Amino acid sequence: IERAAWASDDPAAQSFLAVAKAWAAEDPRWAARVEHAEARVHYFALRFDRALEAVARARALAPSGSVMQLVCDSTECEILFYSDRFAESERLARRLLDAATSEDPEVVGIRAQACQRMAELSILRGDLEQAREWRERTLACAEATGQAWRVRVAKLNLGDALFALGRE
């Protein structure tokens, strides 16, 4: 679902989502993940209000204190950032940094995203040195996830920060 949404193939993402919703109707343990998938479909299609509604439904279905709660917060943080709601996005990113302390790879990935968001907020404020520090934290988290794509992106972003600061 997410790959189709990321590739801007909304019809395919919606089709896959319909199948997932049918499966979740038979096995409600998947309901929160399916609602979250719907949030991602709307997010990638820039339907931010609908994405936030789906995140709220996913959060309501997720067990309290679960990784899924953190996943919902992380997605909401992204949506708020790209909706130019920077203070709210920062509040959620800081909350995620406090809450996402497990070494579970999914949780470390959430921590990496929160660090990334803090770096982007620092850039918007013009604090490139702070952005570099957040980019370094992002890279450390990315490496801990073991996900090559995440490490590549983090290294490129750190390189951009170093270049902006006149460093190699």
C-alpha atoms as a PDB file:
ATOM      1  CA  ILE A   1       0.000   0.000   0.000  1.00  0.00           C
ATOM      2  CA  GLU A   2       2.695   2.456   1.036  1.00  0.00           C
ATOM      3  CA  ARG A   3       4.905   1.722  -1.967  1.00  0.00           C
ATOM      4  CA  ALA A   4       2.030   2.428  -4.341  1.00  0.00           C
ATOM      5  CA  ALA A   5       1.167   5.615  -2.433  1.00  0.00           C
ATOM      6  CA  TRP A   6       4.820   6.715  -2.374  1.00  0.00           C
ATOM      7  CA  ALA A   7       5.002   6.152  -6.135  1.00  0.00           C
ATOM      8  CA  SER A   8       1.938   8.440  -6.562  1.00  0.00           C
ATOM      9  CA  ASP A   9      -0.191   5.536  -7.773  1.00  0.00           C
ATOM     10  CA  ASP A  10      -3.243   6.496  -5.757  1.00  0.00           C
ATOM     11  CA  PRO A  11      -5.623   4.120  -7.585  1.00  0.00           C
ATOM     12  CA  ALA A  12      -3.378   1.130  -6.821  1.00  0.00           C
ATOM     13  CA  ALA A  13      -2.869   2.251  -3.218  1.00  0.00           C
ATOM     14  CA  GLN A  14      -6.639   2.611  -2.764  1.00  0.00           C
ATOM     15  CA  SER A  15      -7.193  -0.831  -4.291  1.00  0.00           C
ATOM     16  CA  PHE A  16      -4.633  -2.456  -1.997  1.00  0.00           C
ATOM     17  CA  LEU A  17      -6.130  -0.575   0.934  1.00  0.00           C
ATOM     18  CA  ALA A  18      -9.598  -1.967   0.157  1.00  0.00           C
ATOM     19  CA  VAL A  19      -8.192  -5.508   0.296  1.00  0.00           C
ATOM     20  CA  ALA A  20      -6.426  -4.766   3.595  1.00  0.00           C
ATOM     21  CA  LYS A  21      -9.633  -3.336   5.059  1.00  0.00           C
ATOM     22  CA  ALA A  22     -11.502  -6.523   4.115  1.00  0.00           C
ATOM     23  CA  TRP A  23      -8.799  -8.603   5.821  1.00  0.00           C
ATOM     24  CA  ALA A  24      -8.878  -6.384   8.907  1.00  0.00           C
ATOM     25  CA  ALA A  25     -12.645  -6.816   9.107  1.00  0.00           C
ATOM     26  CA  GLU A  26     -11.992 -10.554   9.489  1.00  0.00           C
ATOM     27  CA  ASP A  27      -9.045 -10.093  11.866  1.00  0.00           C
ATOM     28  CA  PRO A  28      -9.340  -6.867  13.906  1.00  0.00           C
ATOM     29  CA  ARG A  29      -5.773  -7.202  15.214  1.00  0.00           C
ATOM     30  CA  TRP A  30      -4.726  -5.522  11.964  1.00  0.00           C
ATOM     31  CA  ALA A  31      -7.228  -2.654  12.117  1.00  0.00           C
ATOM     32  CA  ALA A  32      -4.798  -0.074  13.526  1.00  0.00           C
ATOM     33  CA  ARG A  33      -2.144  -0.912  10.915  1.00  0.00           C
ATOM     34  CA  VAL A  34      -4.712  -0.669   8.122  1.00  0.00           C
ATOM     35  CA  GLU A  35      -5.945   2.719   9.355  1.00  0.00           C
ATOM     36  CA  HIS A  36      -2.316   3.828   9.514  1.00  0.00           C
ATOM     37  CA  ALA A  37      -1.786   2.602   5.958  1.00  0.00           C
ATOM     38  CA  GLU A  38      -4.762   4.712   4.923  1.00  0.00           C
ATOM     39  CA  ALA A  39      -3.163   7.707   6.638  1.00  0.00           C
ATOM     40  CA  ARG A  40      -0.001   7.143   4.600  1.00  0.00           C
ATOM     41  CA  VAL A  41      -2.014   6.918   1.369  1.00  0.00           C
ATOM     42  CA  HIS A  42      -3.629  10.288   2.090  1.00  0.00           C
ATOM     43  CA  TYR A  43      -0.321  11.767   3.271  1.00  0.00           C
ATOM     44  CA  PHE A  44       1.469  10.880   0.038  1.00  0.00           C
ATOM     45  CA  ALA A  45      -1.477  12.262  -1.954  1.00  0.00           C
ATOM     46  CA  LEU A  46      -1.188  15.509   0.070  1.00  0.00           C
ATOM     47  CA  ARG A  47      -4.654  15.065   1.569  1.00  0.00           C
ATOM     48  CA  PHE A  48      -3.362  16.085   4.981  1.00  0.00           C
ATOM     49  CA  ASP A  49      -6.728  16.550   6.723  1.00  0.00           C
ATOM     50  CA  ARG A  50      -7.851  13.057   5.727  1.00  0.00           C
ATOM     51  CA  ALA A  51      -4.444  11.688   6.719  1.00  0.00           C
ATOM     52  CA  LEU A  52      -4.767  13.186  10.191  1.00  0.00           C
ATOM     53  CA  GLU A  53      -8.253  11.683  10.535  1.00  0.00           C
ATOM     54  CA  ALA A  54      -6.905   8.223   9.636  1.00  0.00           C
ATOM     55  CA  VAL A  55      -3.996   8.629  12.080  1.00  0.00           C
ATOM     56  CA  ALA A  56      -6.499   9.443  14.815  1.00  0.00           C
ATOM     57  CA  ARG A  57      -8.495   6.294  13.993  1.00  0.00           C
ATOM     58  CA  ALA A  58      -5.319   4.190  13.993  1.00  0.00           C
ATOM     59  CA  ARG A  59      -4.201   5.648  17.314  1.00  0.00           C
ATOM     60  CA  ALA A  60      -7.623   4.917  18.847  1.00  0.00           C
ATOM     61  CA  LEU A  61      -7.368   1.269  17.761  1.00  0.00           C
ATOM     62  CA  ALA A  62      -3.754   0.748  18.857  1.00  0.00           C
ATOM     63  CA  PRO A  63      -3.053  -0.638  22.333  1.00  0.00           C
ATOM     64  CA  SER A  64      -1.917   1.989  24.814  1.00  0.00           C
ATOM     65  CA  GLY A  65       1.878   2.196  25.050  1.00  0.00           C
ATOM     66  CA  SER A  66       2.366   0.129  21.898  1.00  0.00           C
ATOM     67  CA  VAL A  67       4.845   0.702  19.085  1.00  0.00           C
ATOM     68  CA  MET A  68       1.818   1.448  16.916  1.00  0.00           C
ATOM     69  CA  GLN A  69       1.096   4.489  19.104  1.00  0.00           C
ATOM     70  CA  LEU A  70       4.622   5.734  18.347  1.00  0.00           C
ATOM     71  CA  VAL A  71       4.136   5.009  14.642  1.00  0.00           C
ATOM     72  CA  CYS A  72       0.980   7.130  14.697  1.00  0.00           C
ATOM     73  CA  ASP A  73       2.768   9.977  16.466  1.00  0.00           C
ATOM     74  CA  SER A  74       5.603   9.813  13.956  1.00  0.00           C
ATOM     75  CA  THR A  75       3.262   9.982  10.981  1.00  0.00           C
ATOM     76  CA  GLU A  76       1.314  12.824  12.557  1.00  0.00           C
ATOM     77  CA  CYS A  77       4.609  14.655  13.131  1.00  0.00           C
ATOM     78  CA  GLU A  78       5.392  14.385   9.401  1.00  0.00           C
ATOM     79  CA  ILE A  79       1.925  15.517   8.351  1.00  0.00           C
ATOM     80  CA  LEU A  80       2.040  18.515  10.681  1.00  0.00           C
ATOM     81  CA  PHE A  81       5.505  19.507   9.408  1.00  0.00           C
ATOM     82  CA  TYR A  82       4.433  19.417   5.770  1.00  0.00           C
ATOM     83  CA  SER A  83       1.245  21.289   6.694  1.00  0.00           C
ATOM     84  CA  ASP A  84       3.458  24.142   7.972  1.00  0.00           C
ATOM     85  CA  ARG A  85       2.371  23.473  11.542  1.00  0.00           C
ATOM     86  CA  PHE A  86       5.937  23.570  12.777  1.00  0.00           C
ATOM     87  CA  ALA A  87       5.399  24.117  16.509  1.00  0.00           C
ATOM     88  CA  GLU A  88       3.026  21.144  16.703  1.00  0.00           C
ATOM     89  CA  SER A  89       5.424  19.019  14.676  1.00  0.00           C
ATOM     90  CA  GLU A  90       8.302  19.936  16.962  1.00  0.00           C
ATOM     91  CA  ARG A  91       6.245  19.137  20.058  1.00  0.00           C
ATOM     92  CA  LEU A  92       5.524  15.662  18.694  1.00  0.00           C
ATOM     93  CA  ALA A  93       9.136  15.115  17.585  1.00  0.00           C
ATOM     94  CA  ARG A  94      10.387  15.947  21.075  1.00  0.00           C
ATOM     95  CA  ARG A  95       7.780  13.644  22.608  1.00  0.00           C
ATOM     96  CA  LEU A  96       8.912  10.868  20.280  1.00  0.00           C
ATOM     97  CA  LEU A  97      12.540  11.387  21.266  1.00  0.00           C
ATOM     98  CA  ASP A  98      11.532  10.932  24.911  1.00  0.00           C
ATOM     99  CA  ALA A  99       9.269   7.936  24.249  1.00  0.00           C
ATOM    100  CA  ALA A 100      11.062   5.997  21.496  1.00  0.00           C
ATOM    101  CA  THR A 101      13.788   4.540  23.704  1.00  0.00           C
ATOM    102  CA  SER A 102      13.612   0.848  22.801  1.00  0.00           C
ATOM    103  CA  GLU A 103      16.279  -0.684  20.581  1.00  0.00           C
ATOM    104  CA  ASP A 104      13.596  -2.419  18.507  1.00  0.00           C
ATOM    105  CA  PRO A 105      14.497  -1.534  14.873  1.00  0.00           C
ATOM    106  CA  GLU A 106      11.048  -0.056  14.215  1.00  0.00           C
ATOM    107  CA  VAL A 107      11.337   2.170  17.297  1.00  0.00           C
ATOM    108  CA  VAL A 108      14.884   3.211  16.365  1.00  0.00           C
ATOM    109  CA  GLY A 109      13.536   4.141  12.920  1.00  0.00           C
ATOM    110  CA  ILE A 110      10.919   6.311  14.609  1.00  0.00           C
ATOM    111  CA  ARG A 111      13.684   7.952  16.650  1.00  0.00           C
ATOM    112  CA  ALA A 112      15.629   8.545  13.413  1.00  0.00           C
ATOM    113  CA  GLN A 113      12.591  10.269  11.904  1.00  0.00           C
ATOM    114  CA  ALA A 114      12.187  12.452  14.986  1.00  0.00           C
ATOM    115  CA  CYS A 115      15.860  13.474  14.764  1.00  0.00           C
ATOM    116  CA  GLN A 116      15.408  14.183  11.059  1.00  0.00           C
ATOM    117  CA  ARG A 117      12.412  16.375  11.807  1.00  0.00           C
ATOM    118  CA  MET A 118      14.386  18.303  14.449  1.00  0.00           C
ATOM    119  CA  ALA A 119      17.162  18.843  11.889  1.00  0.00           C
ATOM    120  CA  GLU A 120      14.694  20.221   9.368  1.00  0.00           C
ATOM    121  CA  LEU A 121      13.192  22.533  11.973  1.00  0.00           C
ATOM    122  CA  SER A 122      16.706  23.746  12.862  1.00  0.00           C
ATOM    123  CA  ILE A 123      17.355  24.506   9.197  1.00  0.00           C
ATOM    124  CA  LEU A 124      14.145  26.519   8.987  1.00  0.00           C
ATOM    125  CA  ARG A 125      15.362  28.539  11.976  1.00  0.00           C
ATOM    126  CA  GLY A 126      18.714  29.093  10.266  1.00  0.00           C
ATOM    127  CA  ASP A 127      20.652  27.140  12.914  1.00  0.00           C
ATOM    128  CA  LEU A 128      22.844  25.021  10.662  1.00  0.00           C
ATOM    129  CA  GLU A 129      25.163  23.882  13.454  1.00  0.00           C
ATOM    130  CA  GLN A 130      22.223  22.490  15.408  1.00  0.00           C
ATOM    131  CA  ALA A 131      20.920  20.920  12.200  1.00  0.00           C
ATOM    132  CA  ARG A 132      24.293  19.199  11.742  1.00  0.00           C
ATOM    133  CA  GLU A 133      24.074  17.795  15.277  1.00  0.00           C
ATOM    134  CA  TRP A 134      20.574  16.457  14.609  1.00  0.00           C
ATOM    135  CA  ARG A 135      21.726  14.997  11.282  1.00  0.00           C
ATOM    136  CA  GLU A 136      24.521  13.155  13.106  1.00  0.00           C
ATOM    137  CA  ARG A 137      21.982  11.749  15.566  1.00  0.00           C
ATOM    138  CA  THR A 138      19.783  10.769  12.650  1.00  0.00           C
ATOM    139  CA  LEU A 139      22.682   8.889  11.064  1.00  0.00           C
ATOM    140  CA  ALA A 140      23.467   7.041  14.299  1.00  0.00           C
ATOM    141  CA  CYS A 141      19.841   5.942  14.569  1.00  0.00           C
ATOM    142  CA  ALA A 142      19.707   5.021  10.895  1.00  0.00           C
ATOM    143  CA  GLU A 143      22.760   2.815  11.273  1.00  0.00           C
ATOM    144  CA  ALA A 144      21.176   1.127  14.296  1.00  0.00           C
ATOM    145  CA  THR A 145      18.107   0.179  12.221  1.00  0.00           C
ATOM    146  CA  GLY A 146      20.228  -1.812   9.767  1.00  0.00           C
ATOM    147  CA  GLN A 147      18.220  -0.334   6.887  1.00  0.00           C
ATOM    148  CA  ALA A 148      20.585   0.571   4.061  1.00  0.00           C
ATOM    149  CA  TRP A 149      18.178   3.059   2.482  1.00  0.00           C
ATOM    150  CA  ARG A 150      17.800   4.932   5.762  1.00  0.00           C
ATOM    151  CA  VAL A 151      21.593   5.102   6.214  1.00  0.00           C
ATOM    152  CA  ARG A 152      22.050   6.398   2.651  1.00  0.00           C
ATOM    153  CA  VAL A 153      19.514   9.179   3.150  1.00  0.00           C
ATOM    154  CA  ALA A 154      20.987  10.123   6.533  1.00  0.00           C
ATOM    155  CA  LYS A 155      24.515  10.291   5.083  1.00  0.00           C
ATOM    156  CA  LEU A 156      23.365  12.476   2.206  1.00  0.00           C
ATOM    157  CA  ASN A 157      21.542  14.808   4.581  1.00  0.00           C
ATOM    158  CA  LEU A 158      24.568  15.020   6.873  1.00  0.00           C
ATOM    159  CA  GLY A 159      26.748  15.764   3.841  1.00  0.00           C
ATOM    160  CA  ASP A 160      24.412  18.609   2.895  1.00  0.00           C
ATOM    161  CA  ALA A 161      24.658  20.057   6.407  1.00  0.00           C
ATOM    162  CA  LEU A 162      28.447  19.826   6.405  1.00  0.00           C
ATOM    163  CA  PHE A 163      28.614  21.442   2.964  1.00  0.00           C
ATOM    164  CA  ALA A 164      26.348  24.297   4.114  1.00  0.00           C
ATOM    165  CA  LEU A 165      28.710  24.837   7.047  1.00  0.00           C
ATOM    166  CA  GLY A 166      31.752  24.847   4.739  1.00  0.00           C
ATOM    167  CA  ARG A 167      33.070  21.530   6.074  1.00  0.00           C
ATOM    168  CA  GLU A 168      33.926  18.285   4.365  1.00  0.00           C
END
